[in-house]
C-alpha atoms as a PDB file:
ATOM      1  CA  UNK A   1      55.714 -62.009 -28.831  1.00  0.00           C
ATOM      2  CA  UNK A   2      54.195 -60.201 -31.837  1.00  0.00           C
ATOM      3  CA  UNK A   3      51.579 -58.610 -29.613  1.00  0.00           C
ATOM      4  CA  UNK A   4      54.234 -57.315 -27.203  1.00  0.00           C
ATOM      5  CA  UNK A   5      56.293 -55.941 -30.086  1.00  0.00           C
ATOM      6  CA  UNK A   6      53.275 -54.175 -31.599  1.00  0.00           C
ATOM      7  CA  UNK A   7      52.298 -52.657 -28.248  1.00  0.00           C
ATOM      8  CA  UNK A   8      55.886 -51.551 -27.635  1.00  0.00           C
ATOM      9  CA  UNK A   9      56.124 -49.908 -31.075  1.00  0.00           C
ATOM     10  CA  UNK A  10      52.757 -48.203 -30.611  1.00  0.00           C
ATOM     11  CA  UNK A  11      53.803 -46.886 -27.201  1.00  0.00           C
ATOM     12  CA  UNK A  12      57.148 -45.670 -28.546  1.00  0.00           C
ATOM     13  CA  UNK A  13      55.414 -43.913 -31.460  1.00  0.00           C
ATOM     14  CA  UNK A  14      52.986 -42.225 -29.076  1.00  0.00           C
ATOM     15  CA  UNK A  15      55.793 -41.021 -26.793  1.00  0.00           C
ATOM     16  CA  UNK A  16      57.851 -39.655 -29.704  1.00  0.00           C
ATOM     17  CA  UNK A  17      54.831 -37.965 -31.280  1.00  0.00           C
ATOM     18  CA  UNK A  18      53.692 -36.423 -27.987  1.00  0.00           C
ATOM     19  CA  UNK A  19      57.156 -35.059 -27.281  1.00  0.00           C
ATOM     20  CA  UNK A  20      57.600 -33.656 -30.764  1.00  0.00           C
ATOM     21  CA  UNK A  21      54.311 -31.737 -30.595  1.00  0.00           C
ATOM     22  CA  UNK A  22      55.056 -30.108 -27.249  1.00  0.00           C
ATOM     23  CA  UNK A  23      56.303 -26.679 -28.181  1.00  0.00           C
ATOM     24  CA  UNK A  24      58.641 -24.868 -25.845  1.00  0.00           C
ATOM     25  CA  UNK A  25      59.133 -21.663 -27.799  1.00  0.00           C
ATOM     26  CA  UNK A  26      57.283 -19.371 -30.152  1.00  0.00           C
ATOM     27  CA  UNK A  27      57.811 -20.240 -33.802  1.00  0.00           C
ATOM     28  CA  UNK A  28      58.831 -16.780 -35.059  1.00  0.00           C
ATOM     29  CA  UNK A  29      58.725 -16.354 -38.833  1.00  0.00           C
ATOM     30  CA  UNK A  30      59.682 -13.505 -41.187  1.00  0.00           C
ATOM     31  CA  UNK A  31      57.030 -10.859 -41.844  1.00  0.00           C
ATOM     32  CA  UNK A  32      56.845 -11.605 -45.559  1.00  0.00           C
ATOM     33  CA  UNK A  33      56.077 -15.267 -44.863  1.00  0.00           C
ATOM     34  CA  UNK A  34      53.521 -14.341 -42.187  1.00  0.00           C
ATOM     35  CA  UNK A  35      51.700 -12.038 -44.621  1.00  0.00           C
ATOM     36  CA  UNK A  36      51.561 -14.792 -47.253  1.00  0.00           C
ATOM     37  CA  UNK A  37      50.375 -17.450 -44.788  1.00  0.00           C
ATOM     38  CA  UNK A  38      47.794 -15.185 -43.154  1.00  0.00           C
ATOM     39  CA  UNK A  39      46.275 -14.400 -46.517  1.00  0.00           C
ATOM     40  CA  UNK A  40      46.365 -18.019 -47.709  1.00  0.00           C
ATOM     41  CA  UNK A  41      44.849 -19.480 -44.522  1.00  0.00           C
ATOM     42  CA  UNK A  42      42.664 -16.535 -43.424  1.00  0.00           C
ATOM     43  CA  UNK A  43      44.807 -16.133 -40.316  1.00  0.00           C
ATOM     44  CA  UNK A  44      46.052 -13.351 -38.112  1.00  0.00           C
ATOM     45  CA  UNK A  45      49.565 -11.956 -37.670  1.00  0.00           C
ATOM     46  CA  UNK A  46      51.055 -11.131 -34.282  1.00  0.00           C
ATOM     47  CA  UNK A  47      54.060  -8.809 -34.333  1.00  0.00           C
ATOM     48  CA  UNK A  48      56.178  -8.477 -31.197  1.00  0.00           C
ATOM     49  CA  UNK A  49      58.189  -5.248 -31.347  1.00  0.00           C
ATOM     50  CA  UNK A  50      61.245  -5.099 -29.100  1.00  0.00           C
ATOM     51  CA  UNK A  51      64.578  -3.321 -28.945  1.00  0.00           C
ATOM     52  CA  UNK A  52      67.997  -4.390 -27.759  1.00  0.00           C
ATOM     53  CA  UNK A  53      69.049  -3.418 -24.236  1.00  0.00           C
ATOM     54  CA  UNK A  54      65.433  -2.868 -23.177  1.00  0.00           C
ATOM     55  CA  UNK A  55      64.862  -4.328 -19.723  1.00  0.00           C
ATOM     56  CA  UNK A  56      61.088  -4.534 -20.226  1.00  0.00           C
ATOM     57  CA  UNK A  57      61.526  -6.312 -23.565  1.00  0.00           C
ATOM     58  CA  UNK A  58      63.861  -8.847 -21.971  1.00  0.00           C
ATOM     59  CA  UNK A  59      61.479  -9.336 -19.057  1.00  0.00           C
ATOM     60  CA  UNK A  60      58.586  -9.971 -21.434  1.00  0.00           C
ATOM     61  CA  UNK A  61      60.673 -12.426 -23.494  1.00  0.00           C
ATOM     62  CA  UNK A  62      61.825 -14.344 -20.392  1.00  0.00           C
ATOM     63  CA  UNK A  63      58.604 -14.332 -18.395  1.00  0.00           C
ATOM     64  CA  UNK A  64      55.619 -13.881 -20.698  1.00  0.00           C
ATOM     65  CA  UNK A  65      56.738 -15.177 -24.085  1.00  0.00           C
ATOM     66  CA  UNK A  66      58.314 -18.297 -22.582  1.00  0.00           C
ATOM     67  CA  UNK A  67      55.163 -19.304 -20.692  1.00  0.00           C
ATOM     68  CA  UNK A  68      53.681 -22.584 -22.078  1.00  0.00           C
ATOM     69  CA  UNK A  69      50.121 -21.208 -22.159  1.00  0.00           C
ATOM     70  CA  UNK A  70      51.217 -18.089 -24.067  1.00  0.00           C
ATOM     71  CA  UNK A  71      53.371 -20.160 -26.457  1.00  0.00           C
ATOM     72  CA  UNK A  72      50.446 -22.476 -27.172  1.00  0.00           C
ATOM     73  CA  UNK A  73      47.989 -19.638 -27.864  1.00  0.00           C
ATOM     74  CA  UNK A  74      50.394 -17.742 -30.125  1.00  0.00           C
ATOM     75  CA  UNK A  75      51.691 -20.750 -32.092  1.00  0.00           C
ATOM     76  CA  UNK A  76      48.212 -22.211 -32.638  1.00  0.00           C
ATOM     77  CA  UNK A  77      46.324 -19.029 -33.500  1.00  0.00           C
ATOM     78  CA  UNK A  78      48.691 -16.497 -35.053  1.00  0.00           C
ATOM     79  CA  UNK A  79      51.544 -16.206 -37.497  1.00  0.00           C
ATOM     80  CA  UNK A  80      54.108 -14.716 -35.073  1.00  0.00           C
ATOM     81  CA  UNK A  81      56.761 -12.210 -36.126  1.00  0.00           C
ATOM     82  CA  UNK A  82      59.443 -10.591 -33.975  1.00  0.00           C
ATOM     83  CA  UNK A  83      60.756  -7.222 -35.197  1.00  0.00           C
ATOM     84  CA  UNK A  84      63.412  -4.968 -33.725  1.00  0.00           C
ATOM     85  CA  UNK A  85      61.736  -1.549 -33.502  1.00  0.00           C
ATOM     86  CA  UNK A  86      64.978  -0.066 -34.835  1.00  0.00           C
ATOM     87  CA  UNK A  87      65.366  -2.360 -37.843  1.00  0.00           C
ATOM     88  CA  UNK A  88      66.785  -0.931 -41.046  1.00  0.00           C
ATOM     89  CA  UNK A  89      64.582  -3.193 -43.227  1.00  0.00           C
ATOM     90  CA  UNK A  90      62.031  -1.648 -45.570  1.00  0.00           C
ATOM     91  CA  UNK A  91      58.504  -2.795 -44.716  1.00  0.00           C
ATOM     92  CA  UNK A  92      55.491  -2.396 -47.014  1.00  0.00           C
ATOM     93  CA  UNK A  93      52.259  -1.411 -45.259  1.00  0.00           C
ATOM     94  CA  UNK A  94      49.068  -0.088 -46.870  1.00  0.00           C
ATOM     95  CA  UNK A  95      50.885   0.344 -50.180  1.00  0.00           C
ATOM     96  CA  UNK A  96      53.604   2.503 -48.633  1.00  0.00           C
ATOM     97  CA  UNK A  97      57.277   1.675 -48.033  1.00  0.00           C
ATOM     98  CA  UNK A  98      58.336   2.309 -44.429  1.00  0.00           C
ATOM     99  CA  UNK A  99      61.955   2.561 -43.372  1.00  0.00           C
ATOM    100  CA  UNK A 100      64.257   3.808 -40.674  1.00  0.00           C
ATOM    101  CA  UNK A 101      65.230   7.423 -41.297  1.00  0.00           C
ATOM    102  CA  UNK A 102      68.595   6.959 -39.575  1.00  0.00           C
ATOM    103  CA  UNK A 103      70.905   5.232 -42.089  1.00  0.00           C
ATOM    104  CA  UNK A 104      72.982   2.309 -40.833  1.00  0.00           C
ATOM    105  CA  UNK A 105      76.077   4.072 -42.168  1.00  0.00           C
ATOM    106  CA  UNK A 106      75.633   6.790 -39.516  1.00  0.00           C
ATOM    107  CA  UNK A 107      76.808   4.347 -36.885  1.00  0.00           C
ATOM    108  CA  UNK A 108      73.768   5.146 -34.740  1.00  0.00           C
ATOM    109  CA  UNK A 109      71.298   2.391 -34.020  1.00  0.00           C
ATOM    110  CA  UNK A 110      68.891   4.182 -31.726  1.00  0.00           C
ATOM    111  CA  UNK A 111      66.327   5.596 -34.159  1.00  0.00           C
ATOM    112  CA  UNK A 112      62.925   3.954 -34.402  1.00  0.00           C
ATOM    113  CA  UNK A 113      61.522   2.433 -37.587  1.00  0.00           C
ATOM    114  CA  UNK A 114      58.637   4.333 -39.221  1.00  0.00           C
ATOM    115  CA  UNK A 115      56.464   1.194 -39.545  1.00  0.00           C
ATOM    116  CA  UNK A 116      56.829   0.593 -35.815  1.00  0.00           C
ATOM    117  CA  UNK A 117      55.910   4.233 -35.098  1.00  0.00           C
ATOM    118  CA  UNK A 118      52.867   3.940 -37.389  1.00  0.00           C
ATOM    119  CA  UNK A 119      51.344   0.723 -36.053  1.00  0.00           C
ATOM    120  CA  UNK A 120      52.507   0.703 -32.433  1.00  0.00           C
ATOM    121  CA  UNK A 121      51.297   4.232 -31.635  1.00  0.00           C
ATOM    122  CA  UNK A 122      48.563   4.545 -29.014  1.00  0.00           C
ATOM    123  CA  UNK A 123      46.741   7.379 -27.260  1.00  0.00           C
ATOM    124  CA  UNK A 124      47.236   8.089 -23.559  1.00  0.00           C
ATOM    125  CA  UNK A 125      45.835  11.205 -21.931  1.00  0.00           C
ATOM    126  CA  UNK A 126      45.254  12.730 -25.353  1.00  0.00           C
ATOM    127  CA  UNK A 127      48.867  12.233 -26.446  1.00  0.00           C
ATOM    128  CA  UNK A 128      50.160   9.824 -29.078  1.00  0.00           C
ATOM    129  CA  UNK A 129      52.871   7.548 -27.679  1.00  0.00           C
ATOM    130  CA  UNK A 130      54.904   4.494 -28.635  1.00  0.00           C
ATOM    131  CA  UNK A 131      56.712   2.079 -26.379  1.00  0.00           C
ATOM    132  CA  UNK A 132      58.620  -1.166 -26.467  1.00  0.00           C
ATOM    133  CA  UNK A 133      57.819  -3.877 -26.007  1.00  0.00           C
ATOM    134  CA  UNK A 134      54.592  -3.830 -27.962  1.00  0.00           C
ATOM    135  CA  UNK A 135      52.380  -6.460 -29.585  1.00  0.00           C
ATOM    136  CA  UNK A 136      50.355  -5.490 -32.651  1.00  0.00           C
ATOM    137  CA  UNK A 137      47.794  -7.794 -34.270  1.00  0.00           C
ATOM    138  CA  UNK A 138      46.811  -7.763 -37.939  1.00  0.00           C
ATOM    139  CA  UNK A 139      44.109  -9.566 -39.894  1.00  0.00           C
ATOM    140  CA  UNK A 140      44.683 -11.635 -43.052  1.00  0.00           C
ATOM    141  CA  UNK A 141      44.685  -8.461 -45.182  1.00  0.00           C
ATOM    142  CA  UNK A 142      47.501  -6.989 -43.058  1.00  0.00           C
ATOM    143  CA  UNK A 143      45.178  -4.443 -41.483  1.00  0.00           C
ATOM    144  CA  UNK A 144      45.861  -3.501 -37.878  1.00  0.00           C
ATOM    145  CA  UNK A 145      43.222  -4.867 -35.493  1.00  0.00           C
ATOM    146  CA  UNK A 146      44.809  -4.400 -32.057  1.00  0.00           C
ATOM    147  CA  UNK A 147      47.688  -2.774 -30.234  1.00  0.00           C
ATOM    148  CA  UNK A 148      48.978  -4.041 -26.880  1.00  0.00           C
ATOM    149  CA  UNK A 149      51.704  -1.668 -25.666  1.00  0.00           C
ATOM    150  CA  UNK A 150      54.067  -2.333 -22.806  1.00  0.00           C
ATOM    151  CA  UNK A 151      55.324  -5.394 -20.995  1.00  0.00           C
ATOM    152  CA  UNK A 152      52.302  -7.627 -20.477  1.00  0.00           C
ATOM    153  CA  UNK A 153      52.458 -10.189 -17.640  1.00  0.00           C
ATOM    154  CA  UNK A 154      51.923 -13.847 -18.558  1.00  0.00           C
ATOM    155  CA  UNK A 155      48.741 -13.871 -16.462  1.00  0.00           C
ATOM    156  CA  UNK A 156      47.090 -11.232 -18.681  1.00  0.00           C
ATOM    157  CA  UNK A 157      48.347 -11.844 -22.215  1.00  0.00           C
ATOM    158  CA  UNK A 158      46.302 -15.029 -22.865  1.00  0.00           C
ATOM    159  CA  UNK A 159      43.100 -13.248 -21.902  1.00  0.00           C
ATOM    160  CA  UNK A 160      43.911 -10.291 -24.156  1.00  0.00           C
ATOM    161  CA  UNK A 161      44.828 -12.523 -27.111  1.00  0.00           C
ATOM    162  CA  UNK A 162      41.787 -14.811 -26.767  1.00  0.00           C
ATOM    163  CA  UNK A 163      39.399 -12.017 -27.705  1.00  0.00           C
ATOM    164  CA  UNK A 164      40.984 -12.009 -31.204  1.00  0.00           C
ATOM    165  CA  UNK A 165      40.797 -15.754 -31.842  1.00  0.00           C
ATOM    166  CA  UNK A 166      38.413 -17.136 -34.451  1.00  0.00           C
END
């Protein structure tokens, strides 16, 4: 009887533990917390820039960022942050305060944030461009190490992220 009870409790504990560790979504955290944790644990920050009413952003959220392989790689190797590319928040980067030049009081919400423009910019055919969605990676000192513009299919994102793992 005792043996059966012990085995049953062990099995129940295993099932509960296994289910609680299976992650089904990315554990997004605020940028300030990500910067602190990355510095403390010598980790990397992944920022996903998106904007509302962007079909490519929604597609990437639904298809790529909900894929179990992608979720596992991001949650276990990066401090993930999701930022609206049109946010009105002030963001400190390289000792400089970045903001959105269009004040919220204007009623317009379609102007890009300067931090997003700074770190998400990439060169194509000799021209500087920015696009959403975009993933930007930073090291533990909050220095940009990679830029991945555009909607990235779930088949390709793991391969691109793996080259920046420890």
